C-alpha atoms as a PDB file:
ATOM      1  CA  MET A   1      -0.148  -0.042   0.036  1.00  0.00           C
ATOM      2  CA  SER A   2       1.405   3.614  -0.910  1.00  0.00           C
ATOM      3  CA  VAL A   3       1.219   6.735   1.066  1.00  0.00           C
ATOM      4  CA  THR A   4       0.583   9.805  -0.457  1.00  0.00           C
ATOM      5  CA  VAL A   5       2.212  12.722   1.440  1.00  0.00           C
ATOM      6  CA  ASP A   6       0.118  16.412   0.207  1.00  0.00           C
ATOM      7  CA  LEU A   7       2.413  19.178   1.806  1.00  0.00           C
ATOM      8  CA  SER A   8       1.566  21.724  -0.333  1.00  0.00           C
ATOM      9  CA  SER A   9       0.771  24.101   2.290  1.00  0.00           C
ATOM     10  CA  LYS A  10       3.842  23.557   4.224  1.00  0.00           C
ATOM     11  CA  THR A  11       7.597  25.518   3.971  1.00  0.00           C
ATOM     12  CA  ALA A  12      10.379  24.308   4.667  1.00  0.00           C
ATOM     13  CA  LEU A  13      14.206  25.341   4.929  1.00  0.00           C
ATOM     14  CA  VAL A  14      17.181  23.094   4.737  1.00  0.00           C
ATOM     15  CA  MET A  15      20.575  23.843   5.670  1.00  0.00           C
ATOM     16  CA  GLY A  16      23.384  22.959   4.197  1.00  0.00           C
ATOM     17  CA  VAL A  17      23.278  21.233   0.453  1.00  0.00           C
ATOM     18  CA  ALA A  18      26.148  21.288  -1.297  1.00  0.00           C
ATOM     19  CA  ASN A  19      25.213  19.064  -4.354  1.00  0.00           C
ATOM     20  CA  ALA A  20      23.209  16.165  -5.700  1.00  0.00           C
ATOM     21  CA  ARG A  21      24.823  13.374  -3.407  1.00  0.00           C
ATOM     22  CA  SER A  22      24.535  15.581  -0.268  1.00  0.00           C
ATOM     23  CA  LEU A  23      22.049  13.802   2.323  1.00  0.00           C
ATOM     24  CA  GLY A  24      20.423  17.211   3.187  1.00  0.00           C
ATOM     25  CA  TRP A  25      19.400  17.230  -1.291  1.00  0.00           C
ATOM     26  CA  ALA A  26      17.787  13.838  -0.983  1.00  0.00           C
ATOM     27  CA  ILE A  27      15.593  15.328   1.474  1.00  0.00           C
ATOM     28  CA  ALA A  28      14.735  17.858  -0.198  1.00  0.00           C
ATOM     29  CA  GLU A  29      13.831  16.056  -3.128  1.00  0.00           C
ATOM     30  CA  GLN A  30      11.315  14.255  -1.135  1.00  0.00           C
ATOM     31  CA  LEU A  31       9.860  17.611   0.148  1.00  0.00           C
ATOM     32  CA  LEU A  32       9.454  19.015  -3.099  1.00  0.00           C
ATOM     33  CA  ALA A  33       7.832  15.562  -4.591  1.00  0.00           C
ATOM     34  CA  ALA A  34       5.326  16.403  -2.154  1.00  0.00           C
ATOM     35  CA  GLY A  35       4.736  19.936  -2.840  1.00  0.00           C
ATOM     36  CA  CYS A  36       6.514  21.808  -0.378  1.00  0.00           C
ATOM     37  CA  ARG A  37       7.970  25.274  -0.419  1.00  0.00           C
ATOM     38  CA  VAL A  38      11.768  24.916   0.493  1.00  0.00           C
ATOM     39  CA  GLY A  39      14.568  27.334   0.694  1.00  0.00           C
ATOM     40  CA  PHE A  40      18.325  26.544   0.784  1.00  0.00           C
ATOM     41  CA  SER A  41      21.100  27.868   2.768  1.00  0.00           C
ATOM     42  CA  TYR A  42      24.775  27.081   1.761  1.00  0.00           C
ATOM     43  CA  GLN A  43      28.121  27.960   2.697  1.00  0.00           C
ATOM     44  CA  GLY A  44      30.328  29.898   0.369  1.00  0.00           C
ATOM     45  CA  GLU A  45      29.933  31.071  -2.854  1.00  0.00           C
ATOM     46  CA  ARG A  46      31.725  28.471  -4.297  1.00  0.00           C
ATOM     47  CA  LEU A  47      28.245  26.442  -3.533  1.00  0.00           C
ATOM     48  CA  LYS A  48      26.017  28.443  -5.342  1.00  0.00           C
ATOM     49  CA  PRO A  49      26.067  27.378  -9.316  1.00  0.00           C
ATOM     50  CA  GLU A  50      25.697  23.935  -7.563  1.00  0.00           C
ATOM     51  CA  LEU A  51      22.293  24.663  -5.647  1.00  0.00           C
ATOM     52  CA  GLU A  52      20.968  27.186  -8.410  1.00  0.00           C
ATOM     53  CA  LYS A  53      21.432  24.093 -10.512  1.00  0.00           C
ATOM     54  CA  LEU A  54      19.884  21.923  -8.414  1.00  0.00           C
ATOM     55  CA  THR A  55      16.773  24.146  -7.995  1.00  0.00           C
ATOM     56  CA  ALA A  56      16.807  25.464 -11.363  1.00  0.00           C
ATOM     57  CA  GLY A  57      13.296  25.195 -12.589  1.00  0.00           C
ATOM     58  CA  ARG A  58      11.318  24.178  -9.439  1.00  0.00           C
ATOM     59  CA  ASP A  59       8.691  26.190  -8.162  1.00  0.00           C
ATOM     60  CA  GLY A  60       8.640  27.825  -4.533  1.00  0.00           C
ATOM     61  CA  THR A  61      12.322  27.448  -4.094  1.00  0.00           C
ATOM     62  CA  TRP A  62      15.275  29.950  -2.863  1.00  0.00           C
ATOM     63  CA  ILE A  63      18.788  30.122  -1.816  1.00  0.00           C
ATOM     64  CA  GLN A  64      20.855  32.348   0.615  1.00  0.00           C
ATOM     65  CA  GLN A  65      24.751  31.838   1.546  1.00  0.00           C
ATOM     66  CA  ALA A  66      24.316  31.732   5.090  1.00  0.00           C
ATOM     67  CA  ASP A  67      27.803  30.643   7.771  1.00  0.00           C
ATOM     68  CA  ALA A  68      25.589  28.875  10.176  1.00  0.00           C
ATOM     69  CA  THR A  69      28.195  29.713  12.467  1.00  0.00           C
ATOM     70  CA  SER A  70      27.658  33.291  12.268  1.00  0.00           C
ATOM     71  CA  GLU A  71      24.815  34.972  14.114  1.00  0.00           C
ATOM     72  CA  ASP A  72      24.530  37.518  11.300  1.00  0.00           C
ATOM     73  CA  ASP A  73      23.946  35.406   8.342  1.00  0.00           C
ATOM     74  CA  LEU A  74      21.772  33.455  10.606  1.00  0.00           C
ATOM     75  CA  THR A  75      19.551  36.302  11.411  1.00  0.00           C
ATOM     76  CA  ALA A  76      19.623  37.777   7.623  1.00  0.00           C
ATOM     77  CA  LEU A  77      18.419  34.057   6.257  1.00  0.00           C
ATOM     78  CA  PHE A  78      15.675  33.650   8.664  1.00  0.00           C
ATOM     79  CA  ALA A  79      14.440  37.040   7.938  1.00  0.00           C
ATOM     80  CA  ARG A  80      14.404  35.624   4.635  1.00  0.00           C
ATOM     81  CA  VAL A  81      12.377  32.817   5.252  1.00  0.00           C
ATOM     82  CA  ARG A  82       9.937  35.315   6.871  1.00  0.00           C
ATOM     83  CA  ASP A  83       9.806  37.704   3.916  1.00  0.00           C
ATOM     84  CA  GLU A  84       9.436  34.620   0.960  1.00  0.00           C
ATOM     85  CA  PHE A  85       6.780  32.128   3.468  1.00  0.00           C
ATOM     86  CA  GLY A  86       5.907  34.122   6.572  1.00  0.00           C
ATOM     87  CA  HIS A  87       6.054  31.432   8.552  1.00  0.00           C
ATOM     88  CA  LEU A  88       8.456  27.617   8.797  1.00  0.00           C
ATOM     89  CA  ASP A  89       6.871  24.355   8.731  1.00  0.00           C
ATOM     90  CA  TYR A  90      10.136  22.147   8.601  1.00  0.00           C
ATOM     91  CA  LEU A  91      14.033  22.641   9.262  1.00  0.00           C
ATOM     92  CA  VAL A  92      16.465  20.543   8.049  1.00  0.00           C
ATOM     93  CA  HIS A  93      19.909  20.639   9.624  1.00  0.00           C
ATOM     94  CA  SER A  94      22.377  18.682   7.385  1.00  0.00           C
ATOM     95  CA  ILE A  95      25.265  20.253   8.585  1.00  0.00           C
ATOM     96  CA  GLY A  96      29.137  19.053   9.638  1.00  0.00           C
ATOM     97  CA  PHE A  97      32.599  19.829   9.981  1.00  0.00           C
ATOM     98  CA  ALA A  98      35.427  18.814  11.713  1.00  0.00           C
ATOM     99  CA  PRO A  99      39.329  19.739   9.732  1.00  0.00           C
ATOM    100  CA  ARG A 100      40.810  16.615   8.360  1.00  0.00           C
ATOM    101  CA  THR A 101      43.910  16.938  10.835  1.00  0.00           C
ATOM    102  CA  ALA A 102      41.654  16.008  13.794  1.00  0.00           C
ATOM    103  CA  MET A 103      40.421  12.716  11.567  1.00  0.00           C
ATOM    104  CA  GLU A 104      43.915  11.792  10.430  1.00  0.00           C
ATOM    105  CA  GLY A 105      45.726  11.493  13.973  1.00  0.00           C
ATOM    106  CA  ARG A 106      44.834  10.010  17.432  1.00  0.00           C
ATOM    107  CA  PHE A 107      41.786  11.277  18.746  1.00  0.00           C
ATOM    108  CA  LEU A 108      44.340  12.006  22.034  1.00  0.00           C
ATOM    109  CA  ASP A 109      45.738  14.467  20.362  1.00  0.00           C
ATOM    110  CA  THR A 110      42.563  16.562  18.995  1.00  0.00           C
ATOM    111  CA  THR A 111      43.425  20.439  19.479  1.00  0.00           C
ATOM    112  CA  PRO A 112      41.331  22.747  21.429  1.00  0.00           C
ATOM    113  CA  ASP A 113      40.794  24.658  18.062  1.00  0.00           C
ATOM    114  CA  ASP A 114      39.788  21.390  16.490  1.00  0.00           C
ATOM    115  CA  TRP A 115      37.580  20.349  19.457  1.00  0.00           C
ATOM    116  CA  ASN A 116      35.894  23.698  19.182  1.00  0.00           C
ATOM    117  CA  THR A 117      35.472  23.579  15.237  1.00  0.00           C
ATOM    118  CA  ALA A 118      33.766  20.484  15.467  1.00  0.00           C
ATOM    119  CA  LEU A 119      31.107  20.700  18.068  1.00  0.00           C
ATOM    120  CA  ASN A 120      30.192  24.377  16.872  1.00  0.00           C
ATOM    121  CA  VAL A 121      29.742  23.885  13.156  1.00  0.00           C
ATOM    122  CA  SER A 122      28.330  20.133  13.805  1.00  0.00           C
ATOM    123  CA  ALA A 123      26.436  20.801  16.762  1.00  0.00           C
ATOM    124  CA  TYR A 124      26.207  23.622  18.325  1.00  0.00           C
ATOM    125  CA  THR A 125      24.648  25.341  15.246  1.00  0.00           C
ATOM    126  CA  LEU A 126      21.540  23.112  15.511  1.00  0.00           C
ATOM    127  CA  VAL A 127      20.694  24.660  18.250  1.00  0.00           C
ATOM    128  CA  SER A 128      21.237  28.418  17.234  1.00  0.00           C
ATOM    129  CA  ALA A 129      19.458  27.215  14.226  1.00  0.00           C
ATOM    130  CA  ALA A 130      16.256  26.298  16.334  1.00  0.00           C
ATOM    131  CA  ARG A 131      16.489  29.427  17.729  1.00  0.00           C
ATOM    132  CA  HIS A 132      16.050  31.366  14.927  1.00  0.00           C
ATOM    133  CA  ALA A 133      13.657  29.268  13.710  1.00  0.00           C
ATOM    134  CA  GLU A 134      11.537  28.854  16.901  1.00  0.00           C
ATOM    135  CA  PRO A 135       9.401  32.363  16.105  1.00  0.00           C
ATOM    136  CA  LEU A 136       8.250  31.376  13.043  1.00  0.00           C
ATOM    137  CA  LEU A 137       7.610  27.165  13.451  1.00  0.00           C
ATOM    138  CA  ARG A 138       4.266  26.608  13.096  1.00  0.00           C
ATOM    139  CA  GLU A 139       2.290  24.251  15.854  1.00  0.00           C
ATOM    140  CA  GLY A 140       3.088  20.770  14.224  1.00  0.00           C
ATOM    141  CA  GLY A 141       6.408  21.499  13.310  1.00  0.00           C
ATOM    142  CA  SER A 142       9.357  19.897  13.212  1.00  0.00           C
ATOM    143  CA  ILE A 143      13.611  19.492  12.945  1.00  0.00           C
ATOM    144  CA  VAL A 144      15.375  17.111  11.734  1.00  0.00           C
ATOM    145  CA  SER A 145      19.439  16.914  11.667  1.00  0.00           C
ATOM    146  CA  LEU A 146      21.897  14.255  10.735  1.00  0.00           C
ATOM    147  CA  THR A 147      24.093  12.116  12.823  1.00  0.00           C
ATOM    148  CA  TYR A 148      26.130   8.872  12.758  1.00  0.00           C
ATOM    149  CA  HIS A 149      26.667   5.605  14.850  1.00  0.00           C
ATOM    150  CA  ALA A 150      30.196   7.079  15.577  1.00  0.00           C
ATOM    151  CA  SER A 151      28.547   8.890  17.968  1.00  0.00           C
ATOM    152  CA  GLN A 152      27.812   5.761  20.356  1.00  0.00           C
ATOM    153  CA  GLN A 153      30.483   3.426  19.158  1.00  0.00           C
ATOM    154  CA  VAL A 154      34.639   4.194  18.224  1.00  0.00           C
ATOM    155  CA  VAL A 155      34.817   4.305  14.722  1.00  0.00           C
ATOM    156  CA  PRO A 156      38.698   4.769  13.646  1.00  0.00           C
ATOM    157  CA  LYS A 157      39.542   7.932  12.396  1.00  0.00           C
ATOM    158  CA  TYR A 158      36.220   9.506  13.103  1.00  0.00           C
ATOM    159  CA  ASN A 159      37.705  10.885  16.448  1.00  0.00           C
ATOM    160  CA  VAL A 160      36.249  14.477  17.006  1.00  0.00           C
ATOM    161  CA  MET A 161      33.389  13.988  14.869  1.00  0.00           C
ATOM    162  CA  GLY A 162      31.956  11.055  16.562  1.00  0.00           C
ATOM    163  CA  VAL A 163      31.831  13.361  19.920  1.00  0.00           C
ATOM    164  CA  ALA A 164      29.983  16.260  17.994  1.00  0.00           C
ATOM    165  CA  LYS A 165      27.508  13.787  16.539  1.00  0.00           C
ATOM    166  CA  ALA A 166      27.050  12.641  20.238  1.00  0.00           C
ATOM    167  CA  ALA A 167      26.178  16.434  21.137  1.00  0.00           C
ATOM    168  CA  LEU A 168      23.940  16.515  18.548  1.00  0.00           C
ATOM    169  CA  GLU A 169      22.382  13.751  19.484  1.00  0.00           C
ATOM    170  CA  ALA A 170      21.878  15.289  23.253  1.00  0.00           C
ATOM    171  CA  ALA A 171      20.946  18.795  21.727  1.00  0.00           C
ATOM    172  CA  THR A 172      18.353  17.069  19.947  1.00  0.00           C
ATOM    173  CA  ARG A 173      16.591  15.550  22.999  1.00  0.00           C
ATOM    174  CA  TYR A 174      17.066  18.559  25.233  1.00  0.00           C
ATOM    175  CA  LEU A 175      15.212  20.996  22.009  1.00  0.00           C
ATOM    176  CA  ALA A 176      12.568  18.280  21.615  1.00  0.00           C
ATOM    177  CA  SER A 177      11.881  19.298  25.307  1.00  0.00           C
ATOM    178  CA  GLU A 178      11.745  23.009  25.187  1.00  0.00           C
ATOM    179  CA  LEU A 179       9.872  23.253  21.762  1.00  0.00           C
ATOM    180  CA  GLY A 180       7.757  20.239  22.830  1.00  0.00           C
ATOM    181  CA  ALA A 181       5.103  22.363  24.274  1.00  0.00           C
ATOM    182  CA  ALA A 182       4.681  24.603  21.267  1.00  0.00           C
ATOM    183  CA  GLY A 183       3.447  21.117  19.064  1.00  0.00           C
ATOM    184  CA  VAL A 184       7.662  21.244  17.636  1.00  0.00           C
ATOM    185  CA  ARG A 185       9.038  18.047  17.113  1.00  0.00           C
ATOM    186  CA  VAL A 186      12.942  17.650  16.890  1.00  0.00           C
ATOM    187  CA  ASN A 187      14.733  14.215  15.578  1.00  0.00           C
ATOM    188  CA  THR A 188      17.724  13.288  14.281  1.00  0.00           C
ATOM    189  CA  ILE A 189      18.536  10.461  11.530  1.00  0.00           C
ATOM    190  CA  SER A 190      21.721   8.278  12.253  1.00  0.00           C
ATOM    191  CA  ALA A 191      22.412   7.634   8.637  1.00  0.00           C
ATOM    192  CA  GLY A 192      24.751   4.472   7.668  1.00  0.00           C
ATOM    193  CA  PRO A 193      27.728   4.954   5.575  1.00  0.00           C
ATOM    194  CA  MET A 194      26.619   7.274   2.488  1.00  0.00           C
ATOM    195  CA  ARG A 195      28.991   8.346  -0.468  1.00  0.00           C
ATOM    196  CA  THR A 196      28.921  11.774   0.230  1.00  0.00           C
ATOM    197  CA  ILE A 197      31.407  15.231  -0.245  1.00  0.00           C
ATOM    198  CA  ALA A 198      31.884  14.840   4.150  1.00  0.00           C
ATOM    199  CA  ALA A 199      32.220  11.182   3.732  1.00  0.00           C
ATOM    200  CA  ARG A 200      35.784  11.356   1.692  1.00  0.00           C
ATOM    201  CA  SER A 201      36.985  13.484   4.257  1.00  0.00           C
ATOM    202  CA  ILE A 202      36.852  10.169   6.501  1.00  0.00           C
ATOM    203  CA  PRO A 203      40.057   8.399   6.266  1.00  0.00           C
ATOM    204  CA  GLY A 204      39.470   4.887   5.022  1.00  0.00           C
ATOM    205  CA  PHE A 205      35.862   5.546   4.381  1.00  0.00           C
ATOM    206  CA  GLY A 206      36.383   3.322   1.417  1.00  0.00           C
ATOM    207  CA  THR A 207      36.517   0.049   3.240  1.00  0.00           C
ATOM    208  CA  MET A 208      34.232   1.352   6.377  1.00  0.00           C
ATOM    209  CA  TYR A 209      31.713   1.443   3.730  1.00  0.00           C
ATOM    210  CA  GLU A 210      32.227  -2.320   2.260  1.00  0.00           C
ATOM    211  CA  LYS A 211      32.606  -3.187   5.546  1.00  0.00           C
ATOM    212  CA  ALA A 212      29.440  -2.021   7.130  1.00  0.00           C
ATOM    213  CA  ALA A 213      27.725  -3.708   3.699  1.00  0.00           C
ATOM    214  CA  GLN A 214      28.887  -6.781   4.789  1.00  0.00           C
ATOM    215  CA  SER A 215      27.692  -6.790   8.307  1.00  0.00           C
ATOM    216  CA  ALA A 216      24.457  -5.365   7.624  1.00  0.00           C
ATOM    217  CA  PRO A 217      21.021  -7.866   7.828  1.00  0.00           C
ATOM    218  CA  LEU A 218      19.774  -6.563   4.682  1.00  0.00           C
ATOM    219  CA  GLY A 219      23.370  -7.101   2.971  1.00  0.00           C
ATOM    220  CA  ARG A 220      23.676  -3.773   1.691  1.00  0.00           C
ATOM    221  CA  ASN A 221      23.980  -0.263   3.317  1.00  0.00           C
ATOM    222  CA  ALA A 222      21.312   2.178   3.237  1.00  0.00           C
ATOM    223  CA  THR A 223      20.959   4.607   0.543  1.00  0.00           C
ATOM    224  CA  PRO A 224      20.141   8.392  -0.041  1.00  0.00           C
ATOM    225  CA  GLU A 225      16.493   8.280  -1.016  1.00  0.00           C
ATOM    226  CA  GLU A 226      15.653   5.453   2.228  1.00  0.00           C
ATOM    227  CA  VAL A 227      17.333   8.217   4.189  1.00  0.00           C
ATOM    228  CA  GLY A 228      15.053  10.990   2.442  1.00  0.00           C
ATOM    229  CA  GLY A 229      12.009   8.795   2.818  1.00  0.00           C
ATOM    230  CA  LEU A 230      12.641   8.966   6.576  1.00  0.00           C
ATOM    231  CA  ALA A 231      13.028  12.244   7.042  1.00  0.00           C
ATOM    232  CA  LEU A 232      10.280  12.578   5.019  1.00  0.00           C
ATOM    233  CA  PHE A 233       8.502  10.488   8.032  1.00  0.00           C
ATOM    234  CA  LEU A 234       9.426  12.560  10.701  1.00  0.00           C
ATOM    235  CA  LEU A 235       8.850  16.183   9.243  1.00  0.00           C
ATOM    236  CA  SER A 236       5.676  15.310   8.027  1.00  0.00           C
ATOM    237  CA  ASP A 237       2.268  14.772  10.323  1.00  0.00           C
ATOM    238  CA  LEU A 238       3.018  10.983   9.652  1.00  0.00           C
ATOM    239  CA  GLY A 239       5.766  10.894  12.354  1.00  0.00           C
ATOM    240  CA  SER A 240       3.718  13.346  14.395  1.00  0.00           C
ATOM    241  CA  GLY A 241       4.219  10.809  18.314  1.00  0.00           C
ATOM    242  CA  VAL A 242       8.202  10.798  17.496  1.00  0.00           C
ATOM    243  CA  THR A 243      10.369  13.363  18.793  1.00  0.00           C
ATOM    244  CA  GLY A 244      13.933  13.728  20.712  1.00  0.00           C
ATOM    245  CA  GLN A 245      14.800  10.489  19.162  1.00  0.00           C
ATOM    246  CA  THR A 246      17.818   9.064  17.314  1.00  0.00           C
ATOM    247  CA  VAL A 247      16.109   7.257  14.355  1.00  0.00           C
ATOM    248  CA  TYR A 248      18.563   4.604  12.390  1.00  0.00           C
ATOM    249  CA  VAL A 249      18.263   3.955   8.715  1.00  0.00           C
ATOM    250  CA  ASP A 250      21.459   1.741   8.319  1.00  0.00           C
ATOM    251  CA  ALA A 251      20.085  -1.412   6.720  1.00  0.00           C
ATOM    252  CA  GLY A 252      20.392  -2.314  10.422  1.00  0.00           C
ATOM    253  CA  ALA A 253      24.290  -2.321  10.430  1.00  0.00           C
ATOM    254  CA  SER A 254      24.202  -0.660  13.690  1.00  0.00           C
ATOM    255  CA  ILE A 255      22.723  -3.759  15.343  1.00  0.00           C
ATOM    256  CA  MET A 256      25.723  -6.230  14.740  1.00  0.00           C
ATOM    257  CA  SER A 257      28.962  -6.713  16.814  1.00  0.00           C
ATOM    258  CA  MET A 258      30.063  -8.760  13.900  1.00  0.00           C
ATOM    259  CA  LYS A 259      28.950 -10.570  10.912  1.00  0.00           C
ATOM    260  CA  VAL A 260      27.873 -14.131  11.767  1.00  0.00           C
ATOM    261  CA  GLU A 261      28.165 -16.526   8.657  1.00  0.00           C
END
């Protein structure tokens, strides 16, 4: 049985799309297919042409440059949301970064600067974006971010990003607690390994990707389309009773301690 989701009366802001392989774009495609109007933020003018291509000819879309760590940029971004939409139903946070040097060496050698960068960009920006979105979010609104299982178990070379994702998941619970009274839900999606730009910055990602598929009960990795489908569920009224959760879409890889032949 298929379920048709009609979001033609809804609005969304998707933060952090870099290109067509971004998980943020996989989510945006599901929203657009359901009729949602979607605004996009991107960091740095070098990303603008790619996002312009992705949104060309798509009604109800707009794009704006915004550094999520800048309060001035966030103020301008959410002013644009107010001007374009008047309100906001969905916020998608697809932002994460740690310096490559922090992921190539030992976790023990993480510098204060690398720690602060990873935690600020990857976790605190969810809090600051939610704060700016709060006055615009309607009852029944929803916020979704993206995490990874390295928040719960050690993944070699993921290092400080694992700590940042753990902070993101904790922030999700605190935000859900505070925004619930306004009828706003907050969840995060723990996606399995995906071939994204961010993944390429992880040393040994190719091996990690292959091993995850081998150990997963479904015998494969999850797809960006499946991430988008889960996000659509969590953002829409289909997920109206779900908040404060870390929801996995990884073909079951995270439940396995080892592959049983």
